[in-house]
């Protein structure tokens, strides 16, 4: 397929695609659109920015147009689930753009906003409903929505939907859907365990993978900077000042961490904003708009929030915290080098994250260049458990190391016995005799002999 007209889509859809300046379908679209139009279930795997949304939205709109009917009250014909508010809004915008010349009704159901408007939007039914799982279940429990008429279910970003706490909500939702339906799952990555779980929800699915599993975008220049944990904020500032940054997306592991990084950047004179689940929907929309318009060039995000960031021109992705799931790294760096542009992915790696980098390299089958900026780069890093009897606590302190300090003290005590006939020798003999008169008094170090 070299042209969208080759799919024989509804002419109103082709007209919208021409207005959007869509000329040549991407590989995921070429392989997926005919399969979805035929009614088969699909598992689609492709990197971020390869056109997954159009791959399922276009054939769904075509089938809705081919079988027009008014939806039942408080129901929907197509249900699209995504993990974030931002991504949900972008999906609905795509449906509206591609179906602008069709009489298709759509609605958005997400958290962080009042439910009243969502109640009213669903009252007369809609053709396409895009939702986050939590708010969808709230509306179902409130009898504002029935799922018995769903003809097609779409799970977008399926790996994150099923792997980060959404699985229980997904199962509740699927249990309320009719058995005879079409199910489509799309994701940037699909680990085997998640794929097996997803296969339970699909009937004889066609698997479409346009890139090798967990491959990274070839145009992304990947680098690792070894740095002490305490020096990460200063190194981030240096990276943002010395690199030719158009827009930078910085990833942290936690919401609190994202806010903390923003404060350090602002103190250093770098304009930055954070986006995560604790921000209100209004705040998130304003931050994204400022980032998209270039008013803020540095955005600090958690993985879940970043799933809805569809912004062109991100030149740099910085892993302030290296992800402990290798597949997450693939998705993060896919935020740059979009639409054929080049991009840079830099990971700030401390001593505890070296193993994560090794897992990433094993997954992507690429050795990432490393620059060592630690204060003591030649200092050998101790293994996690050099001795069974010595284990470091979470804060890095060896609470049992005194046992190793005291154990050799007994031998040293013997070796230090005076060998001459001096007064010191007499004193030593007196101390030894006193010790023999009080055998019940245990040496001080024995109370710690078991590392208590």
Protein backbone atom coordinates (compact mmCIF):
# COMPACT_ATOMS: atom_id res chain seq x y z
CA UNK A 1 0.00 0.00 0.00
CA UNK A 2 1.58 3.25 -1.13
CA UNK A 3 -1.45 5.49 -0.80
CA UNK A 4 -4.37 5.76 1.60
CA UNK A 5 -6.76 5.41 -1.35
CA UNK A 6 -5.50 1.83 -1.73
CA UNK A 7 -7.34 0.88 1.48
CA UNK A 8 -10.69 1.81 -0.13
CA UNK A 9 -11.70 3.79 2.92
CA UNK A 10 -14.87 5.82 2.98
CA UNK A 11 -14.47 8.82 0.69
CA UNK A 12 -15.25 11.25 3.52
CA UNK A 13 -12.30 9.79 5.46
CA UNK A 14 -9.98 10.11 2.44
CA UNK A 15 -10.98 13.74 2.12
CA UNK A 16 -10.10 14.38 5.77
CA UNK A 17 -6.75 12.61 5.32
CA UNK A 18 -5.94 14.83 2.35
CA UNK A 19 -6.75 17.89 4.46
CA UNK A 20 -4.44 16.54 7.17
CA UNK A 21 -1.76 16.10 4.45
CA UNK A 22 -1.55 12.35 5.06
CA UNK A 23 -0.02 10.91 1.90
CA UNK A 24 1.78 7.61 2.50
CA UNK A 25 0.69 5.15 5.20
CA UNK A 26 3.26 4.04 7.75
CA UNK A 27 4.21 0.34 8.09
CA UNK A 28 1.91 -0.21 11.09
CA UNK A 29 -0.95 1.38 9.17
CA UNK A 30 -0.24 -0.64 6.02
CA UNK A 31 -0.38 -3.94 7.89
CA UNK A 32 -3.14 -3.11 10.38
CA UNK A 33 -5.85 -1.17 8.54
CA UNK A 34 -6.96 -4.00 6.18
CA UNK A 35 -6.96 -6.51 9.08
CA UNK A 36 -9.11 -4.27 11.29
CA UNK A 37 -11.47 -3.56 8.38
CA UNK A 38 -11.99 -7.32 8.00
CA UNK A 39 -13.15 -7.58 11.61
CA UNK A 40 -10.19 -9.55 13.05
CA UNK A 41 -8.73 -8.95 16.51
CA UNK A 42 -5.27 -7.38 16.41
CA UNK A 43 -2.22 -7.01 18.63
CA UNK A 44 -0.21 -4.15 17.11
CA UNK A 45 3.34 -3.45 18.22
CA UNK A 46 5.20 -0.39 16.94
CA UNK A 47 7.42 2.32 18.29
CA UNK A 48 6.00 5.61 19.47
CA UNK A 49 5.40 8.09 16.66
CA UNK A 50 4.74 5.49 13.96
CA UNK A 51 1.03 6.23 13.53
CA UNK A 52 -0.67 3.68 15.79
CA UNK A 53 -3.68 5.92 16.46
CA UNK A 54 -4.54 6.26 12.77
CA UNK A 55 -3.93 2.53 12.36
CA UNK A 56 -7.01 1.77 14.48
CA UNK A 57 -9.03 4.99 14.15
CA UNK A 58 -9.30 4.95 10.33
CA UNK A 59 -10.73 1.42 9.93
CA UNK A 60 -13.04 1.92 12.92
CA UNK A 61 -14.45 5.09 11.37
CA UNK A 62 -14.86 3.26 8.07
CA UNK A 63 -16.90 0.49 9.71
CA UNK A 64 -19.04 2.98 11.62
CA UNK A 65 -19.77 4.83 8.38
CA UNK A 66 -20.57 1.58 6.58
CA UNK A 67 -23.08 0.62 9.28
CA UNK A 68 -24.66 3.87 10.46
CA UNK A 69 -27.10 3.67 13.35
CA UNK A 70 -27.95 5.85 16.29
CA UNK A 71 -26.28 4.65 19.49
CA UNK A 72 -28.49 3.65 22.40
CA UNK A 73 -28.89 6.01 25.32
CA UNK A 74 -26.04 5.90 27.84
CA UNK A 75 -24.02 3.61 25.59
CA UNK A 76 -21.22 3.64 23.04
CA UNK A 77 -20.39 1.60 19.94
CA UNK A 78 -16.60 1.93 20.22
CA UNK A 79 -14.69 2.07 23.50
CA UNK A 80 -11.05 3.19 23.52
CA UNK A 81 -9.11 2.89 26.80
CA UNK A 82 -5.80 4.62 27.47
CA UNK A 83 -3.73 5.10 30.63
CA UNK A 84 -3.61 8.92 30.77
CA UNK A 85 -5.87 11.91 30.38
CA UNK A 86 -3.62 13.58 27.83
CA UNK A 87 -3.37 10.54 25.60
CA UNK A 88 -7.13 10.03 25.78
CA UNK A 89 -7.73 13.61 24.66
CA UNK A 90 -5.31 13.22 21.76
CA UNK A 91 -6.99 10.01 20.61
CA UNK A 92 -10.41 11.65 20.55
CA UNK A 93 -8.95 14.63 18.66
CA UNK A 94 -7.62 12.19 16.04
CA UNK A 95 -11.03 10.52 15.68
CA UNK A 96 -12.64 13.92 15.22
CA UNK A 97 -10.00 15.03 12.70
CA UNK A 98 -10.26 11.89 10.55
CA UNK A 99 -14.05 11.78 10.85
CA UNK A 100 -14.77 15.47 10.45
CA UNK A 101 -16.92 14.81 7.36
CA UNK A 102 -18.81 11.96 9.02
CA UNK A 103 -21.69 12.30 11.43
CA UNK A 104 -19.82 10.61 14.26
CA UNK A 105 -20.40 11.53 17.87
CA UNK A 106 -17.55 11.18 20.34
CA UNK A 107 -17.01 11.81 24.04
CA UNK A 108 -14.11 11.94 26.47
CA UNK A 109 -14.28 10.38 29.95
CA UNK A 110 -11.25 11.13 32.14
CA UNK A 111 -10.50 11.87 35.77
CA UNK A 112 -9.50 15.23 37.20
CA UNK A 113 -12.56 17.06 35.85
CA UNK A 114 -16.18 17.28 37.07
CA UNK A 115 -18.41 14.36 36.10
CA UNK A 116 -21.47 16.46 35.30
CA UNK A 117 -20.47 17.29 31.74
CA UNK A 118 -19.55 13.65 31.13
CA UNK A 119 -22.97 12.53 32.37
CA UNK A 120 -24.65 14.87 29.90
CA UNK A 121 -22.38 13.86 27.02
CA UNK A 122 -23.32 10.19 27.45
CA UNK A 123 -27.02 10.72 28.00
CA UNK A 124 -28.03 10.21 24.34
CA UNK A 125 -25.23 7.77 23.58
CA UNK A 126 -22.08 8.23 21.50
CA UNK A 127 -20.37 6.39 18.67
CA UNK A 128 -16.82 6.66 20.05
CA UNK A 129 -15.98 6.90 23.74
CA UNK A 130 -12.35 7.46 24.77
CA UNK A 131 -11.73 6.96 28.47
CA UNK A 132 -9.33 6.25 31.28
CA UNK A 133 -10.31 3.10 33.19
CA UNK A 134 -10.95 4.61 36.62
CA UNK A 135 -13.39 7.31 35.57
CA UNK A 136 -15.12 4.89 33.18
CA UNK A 137 -15.88 2.52 36.04
CA UNK A 138 -17.14 5.44 38.12
CA UNK A 139 -19.68 6.26 35.42
CA UNK A 140 -20.70 2.64 35.04
CA UNK A 141 -21.31 2.36 38.79
CA UNK A 142 -23.35 5.58 38.65
CA UNK A 143 -25.58 4.09 35.91
CA UNK A 144 -24.49 6.86 33.57
CA UNK A 145 -23.01 4.36 31.10
CA UNK A 146 -23.81 0.85 29.86
CA UNK A 147 -21.22 -1.25 28.06
CA UNK A 148 -23.52 -3.90 26.64
CA UNK A 149 -23.56 -2.35 23.13
CA UNK A 150 -19.80 -2.04 22.58
CA UNK A 151 -18.87 -3.39 19.14
CA UNK A 152 -15.15 -2.66 19.30
CA UNK A 153 -12.75 -2.34 22.24
CA UNK A 154 -9.36 -0.68 21.82
CA UNK A 155 -6.61 -0.80 24.44
CA UNK A 156 -3.97 1.78 23.57
CA UNK A 157 -0.56 1.63 25.27
CA UNK A 158 -1.50 -1.89 26.29
CA UNK A 159 1.81 -2.67 27.99
CA UNK A 160 1.36 0.20 30.43
CA UNK A 161 -2.36 -0.43 30.83
CA UNK A 162 -1.81 -4.01 31.92
CA UNK A 163 1.53 -3.68 33.65
CA UNK A 164 1.08 -0.69 35.95
CA UNK A 165 -1.96 -1.38 38.07
CA UNK A 166 -4.72 -1.11 35.46
CA UNK A 167 -5.21 -4.84 35.02
CA UNK A 168 -7.93 -5.13 37.68
CA UNK A 169 -9.93 -2.25 36.19
CA UNK A 170 -9.47 -3.70 32.70
CA UNK A 171 -10.82 -7.06 33.80
CA UNK A 172 -13.87 -5.42 35.40
CA UNK A 173 -14.55 -3.50 32.21
CA UNK A 174 -14.05 -6.50 29.91
CA UNK A 175 -16.47 -8.54 32.05
CA UNK A 176 -19.21 -6.03 31.25
CA UNK A 177 -18.61 -6.09 27.48
CA UNK A 178 -20.44 -8.38 25.05
CA UNK A 179 -18.56 -11.53 24.12
CA UNK A 180 -19.08 -10.85 20.41
CA UNK A 181 -16.88 -7.85 19.83
CA UNK A 182 -13.69 -6.84 18.07
CA UNK A 183 -10.67 -6.19 20.33
CA UNK A 184 -7.58 -4.27 19.29
CA UNK A 185 -4.45 -3.77 21.39
CA UNK A 186 -1.68 -1.37 20.44
CA UNK A 187 1.55 -0.68 22.23
CA UNK A 188 5.13 0.46 21.80
CA UNK A 189 6.38 -2.61 23.69
CA UNK A 190 4.81 -5.94 24.53
CA UNK A 191 6.79 -8.09 27.01
CA UNK A 192 5.96 -11.76 26.77
CA UNK A 193 4.15 -11.90 30.13
CA UNK A 194 1.94 -9.00 29.12
CA UNK A 195 1.37 -10.50 25.68
CA UNK A 196 0.20 -13.76 27.25
CA UNK A 197 -2.18 -11.87 29.50
CA UNK A 198 -3.51 -9.81 26.61
CA UNK A 199 -4.06 -12.90 24.49
CA UNK A 200 -6.67 -14.06 27.02
CA UNK A 201 -8.84 -11.09 26.05
CA UNK A 202 -8.58 -11.54 22.28
CA UNK A 203 -9.94 -14.17 19.89
CA UNK A 204 -7.42 -15.61 17.44
CA UNK A 205 -5.60 -12.27 17.17
CA UNK A 206 -3.41 -11.21 14.27
CA UNK A 207 -0.08 -9.97 15.60
CA UNK A 208 1.40 -7.03 13.72
CA UNK A 209 4.95 -6.02 14.66
CA UNK A 210 6.63 -3.55 12.35
CA UNK A 211 9.86 -3.32 14.35
CA UNK A 212 11.89 -5.88 16.28
CA UNK A 213 10.78 -6.28 19.89
CA UNK A 214 12.08 -3.44 22.06
CA UNK A 215 14.25 -1.98 19.29
CA UNK A 216 15.22 1.67 19.63
CA UNK A 217 14.93 4.38 17.06
CA UNK A 218 18.08 4.37 14.95
CA UNK A 219 18.25 8.14 14.79
CA UNK A 220 18.50 8.45 18.59
CA UNK A 221 22.03 9.07 19.85
CA UNK A 222 22.21 7.23 23.18
CA UNK A 223 24.68 8.07 25.94
CA UNK A 224 25.21 7.17 29.60
CA UNK A 225 26.87 9.51 32.10
CA UNK A 226 28.14 7.81 35.26
CA UNK A 227 27.66 10.21 38.13
CA UNK A 228 27.39 10.14 41.91
CA UNK A 229 23.78 10.22 43.07
CA UNK A 230 24.16 13.52 44.91
CA UNK A 231 25.60 15.16 41.79
CA UNK A 232 22.74 14.26 39.46
CA UNK A 233 20.96 17.66 39.72
CA UNK A 234 24.19 19.55 38.93
CA UNK A 235 24.92 17.20 36.02
CA UNK A 236 21.40 17.71 34.66
CA UNK A 237 21.91 21.47 34.76
CA UNK A 238 25.21 21.07 32.92
CA UNK A 239 23.61 18.87 30.25
CA UNK A 240 20.77 21.31 29.63
CA UNK A 241 23.20 24.23 29.39
CA UNK A 242 25.84 22.63 27.17
CA UNK A 243 23.67 20.58 24.80
CA UNK A 244 21.87 22.19 21.88
CA UNK A 245 18.42 21.65 23.35
CA UNK A 246 15.26 22.57 21.49
CA UNK A 247 12.95 20.79 23.90
CA UNK A 248 14.04 18.40 26.64
CA UNK A 249 11.90 15.76 28.33
CA UNK A 250 13.37 14.68 31.69
CA UNK A 251 12.14 11.46 33.31
CA UNK A 252 12.02 10.77 37.03
CA UNK A 253 10.78 7.69 38.85
CA UNK A 254 8.39 9.46 41.22
CA UNK A 255 6.08 12.47 41.32
CA UNK A 256 7.95 13.92 44.29
CA UNK A 257 11.20 13.47 42.39
CA UNK A 258 9.82 15.37 39.42
CA UNK A 259 8.86 18.35 41.58
CA UNK A 260 12.25 18.28 43.29
CA UNK A 261 14.11 18.31 39.97
CA UNK A 262 12.03 21.25 38.75
CA UNK A 263 12.90 23.24 41.87
CA UNK A 264 16.63 22.60 41.35
CA UNK A 265 16.42 23.61 37.70
CA UNK A 266 14.53 26.81 38.49
CA UNK A 267 17.11 27.66 41.15
CA UNK A 268 19.78 27.26 38.46
CA UNK A 269 17.93 29.67 36.17
CA UNK A 270 16.46 27.05 33.82
CA UNK A 271 12.74 27.34 33.13
CA UNK A 272 11.11 23.97 33.76
CA UNK A 273 7.72 22.51 34.62
CA UNK A 274 6.57 19.14 35.96
CA UNK A 275 3.72 16.95 34.80
CA UNK A 276 2.44 13.99 36.80
CA UNK A 277 -0.66 12.47 38.33
CA UNK A 278 -0.85 14.89 41.27
CA UNK A 279 -1.35 17.85 38.95
CA UNK A 280 -4.90 18.92 38.15
CA UNK A 281 -6.11 18.52 34.60
CA UNK A 282 -6.01 22.28 34.10
CA UNK A 283 -2.40 22.46 35.29
CA UNK A 284 -1.37 19.60 33.03
CA UNK A 285 -2.99 21.18 30.00
CA UNK A 286 -1.33 24.55 30.66
CA UNK A 287 2.09 22.94 31.13
CA UNK A 288 1.75 20.90 27.95
CA UNK A 289 0.64 23.95 25.99
CA UNK A 290 3.65 25.92 27.24
CA UNK A 291 5.96 23.03 26.33
CA UNK A 292 4.38 22.61 22.90
CA UNK A 293 4.61 26.36 22.18
CA UNK A 294 8.25 26.52 23.29
CA UNK A 295 7.59 28.83 26.24
CA UNK A 296 9.03 26.11 28.49
CA UNK A 297 11.80 24.05 26.93
CA UNK A 298 12.28 21.55 29.77
CA UNK A 299 9.49 19.28 30.94
CA UNK A 300 10.00 16.87 33.86
CA UNK A 301 7.64 13.91 33.85
CA UNK A 302 6.90 10.50 35.27
CA UNK A 303 6.39 7.57 32.89
CA UNK A 304 2.62 7.44 33.22
CA UNK A 305 2.15 11.17 32.58
CA UNK A 306 4.54 11.06 29.61
CA UNK A 307 2.33 8.56 27.84
CA UNK A 308 0.13 11.45 26.77
CA UNK A 309 2.90 13.76 25.58
CA UNK A 310 2.69 13.92 21.80
CA UNK A 311 4.94 16.88 21.03
CA UNK A 312 7.12 17.23 17.95
CA UNK A 313 10.55 18.78 18.26
CA UNK A 314 11.73 17.04 21.44
CA UNK A 315 15.47 17.03 20.79
CA UNK A 316 16.60 15.46 24.09
CA UNK A 317 15.32 12.84 26.46
CA UNK A 318 17.17 12.71 29.80
CA UNK A 319 16.73 9.81 32.20
CA UNK A 320 17.35 11.51 35.53
CA UNK A 321 16.38 8.16 37.03
CA UNK A 322 17.29 5.13 34.93
CA UNK A 323 14.15 2.95 34.61
CA UNK A 324 14.29 -0.41 36.36
CA UNK A 325 12.20 -1.95 33.56
CA UNK A 326 14.19 -2.14 30.34
CA UNK A 327 11.12 -1.86 28.09
CA UNK A 328 10.30 1.49 29.73
CA UNK A 329 13.62 2.86 28.46
CA UNK A 330 12.60 2.05 24.89
CA UNK A 331 9.37 3.95 25.28
CA UNK A 332 11.06 6.93 26.92
CA UNK A 333 13.63 7.51 24.20
CA UNK A 334 10.94 7.08 21.57
CA UNK A 335 9.71 10.54 22.57
CA UNK A 336 12.56 12.05 20.54
CA UNK A 337 13.66 11.44 16.92
CA UNK A 338 10.05 11.56 15.73
CA UNK A 339 8.99 12.11 12.14
CA UNK A 340 12.49 11.38 10.85
CA UNK A 341 14.27 13.95 13.03
CA UNK A 342 17.40 13.16 15.03
CA UNK A 343 17.41 13.02 18.80
CA UNK A 344 19.60 12.48 21.86
CA UNK A 345 18.91 10.23 24.85
CA UNK A 346 21.12 10.73 27.93
CA UNK A 347 20.92 8.59 31.06
CA UNK A 348 22.38 9.80 34.36
CA UNK A 349 23.46 6.58 36.03
CA UNK A 350 24.55 6.22 39.66
CA UNK A 351 26.10 3.14 41.23
CA UNK A 352 22.77 1.49 42.07
CA UNK A 353 21.52 1.82 38.49
CA UNK A 354 24.39 0.10 36.66
CA UNK A 355 22.45 -3.17 36.59
CA UNK A 356 19.50 -1.38 34.94
CA UNK A 357 21.78 -0.15 32.15
CA UNK A 358 23.04 -3.69 31.60
CA UNK A 359 19.45 -4.96 31.32
CA UNK A 360 18.68 -2.22 28.80
CA UNK A 361 21.73 -3.04 26.69
CA UNK A 362 20.81 -6.71 26.74
CA UNK A 363 17.28 -5.94 25.60
CA UNK A 364 18.14 -3.51 22.79
CA UNK A 365 21.30 -5.42 21.82
CA UNK A 366 23.31 -2.20 21.77
CA UNK A 367 26.29 -1.17 23.88
CA UNK A 368 25.62 2.40 25.02
CA UNK A 369 28.70 4.70 25.22
CA UNK A 370 29.57 5.68 28.80
CA UNK A 371 31.15 8.89 30.10
CA UNK A 372 32.42 8.69 33.67
CA UNK A 373 31.90 11.90 35.68
CA UNK A 374 32.10 10.45 39.17
CA UNK A 375 34.27 12.10 41.81
CA UNK A 376 36.25 8.85 42.27
CA UNK A 377 35.86 6.99 38.97
CA UNK A 378 38.63 4.49 39.68
CA UNK A 379 37.27 3.38 43.03
CA UNK A 380 36.15 -0.23 42.78
CA UNK A 381 32.49 -0.69 43.53
CA UNK A 382 31.84 -3.29 46.22
CA UNK A 383 29.57 -6.20 45.27
CA UNK A 384 26.08 -6.18 46.69
CA UNK A 385 26.99 -8.88 49.22
CA UNK A 386 30.75 -9.42 49.54
CA UNK A 387 30.31 -11.39 52.78
CA UNK A 388 27.24 -13.15 54.00
CA UNK A 389 27.69 -11.57 57.41
CA UNK A 390 27.97 -8.00 56.14
CA UNK A 391 25.04 -6.42 54.34
CA UNK A 392 24.59 -2.71 53.85
CA UNK A 393 21.36 -1.13 54.91
CA UNK A 394 19.20 0.90 52.55
CA UNK A 395 20.80 4.16 53.59
CA UNK A 396 24.27 2.85 52.80
CA UNK A 397 25.43 2.34 56.40
CA UNK A 398 27.00 -0.93 57.48
CA UNK A 399 25.28 -1.51 60.79
CA UNK A 400 27.07 -4.83 61.25
CA UNK A 401 30.51 -3.84 60.12
CA UNK A 402 31.63 -3.51 63.78
CA UNK A 403 31.63 -7.30 63.96
CA UNK A 404 34.37 -7.43 61.33
CA UNK A 405 36.28 -4.69 63.06
CA UNK A 406 36.15 -6.47 66.39
CA UNK A 407 36.76 -10.00 65.22
CA UNK A 408 40.45 -9.55 64.31
CA UNK A 409 40.96 -7.49 67.47
CA UNK A 410 41.34 -10.71 69.48
CA UNK A 411 44.35 -11.84 67.47
CA UNK A 412 45.83 -8.37 67.47
CA UNK A 413 45.50 -8.34 71.27
CA UNK A 414 47.71 -11.43 71.44
CA UNK A 415 50.26 -10.17 68.97
CA UNK A 416 50.66 -6.93 70.91
CA UNK A 417 51.78 -8.61 74.12
CA UNK A 418 55.01 -7.02 75.40
CA UNK A 419 57.99 -9.33 75.01
CA UNK A 420 60.46 -7.59 77.28
CA UNK A 421 60.69 -7.38 81.08
CA UNK A 422 59.54 -3.79 81.29
CA UNK A 423 56.87 -2.32 83.52
CA UNK A 424 54.45 -2.70 80.60
CA UNK A 425 55.06 -6.44 80.67
CA UNK A 426 54.22 -6.60 84.39
CA UNK A 427 51.05 -4.59 83.78
CA UNK A 428 50.03 -7.01 81.06
CA UNK A 429 50.45 -10.00 83.40
CA UNK A 430 48.41 -8.30 86.10
CA UNK A 431 45.57 -7.62 83.63
CA UNK A 432 45.68 -11.26 82.49
CA UNK A 433 45.45 -12.54 86.06
CA UNK A 434 42.51 -10.25 86.79
CA UNK A 435 40.73 -11.62 83.75
CA UNK A 436 41.21 -15.20 85.01
CA UNK A 437 39.71 -14.31 88.42
CA UNK A 438 36.49 -13.08 86.71
CA UNK A 439 35.70 -15.70 84.04
CA UNK A 440 32.01 -14.87 84.13
CA UNK A 441 32.59 -11.45 82.55
CA UNK A 442 32.39 -11.97 78.79
CA UNK A 443 34.57 -9.92 76.48
CA UNK A 444 32.70 -6.94 75.06
CA UNK A 445 33.01 -8.03 71.43
CA UNK A 446 31.23 -11.37 71.96
CA UNK A 447 27.90 -9.64 72.44
CA UNK A 448 28.12 -8.66 68.80
CA UNK A 449 29.45 -11.94 67.46
CA UNK A 450 26.21 -12.73 65.62
CA UNK A 451 25.83 -9.30 64.13
CA UNK A 452 23.12 -8.19 66.55
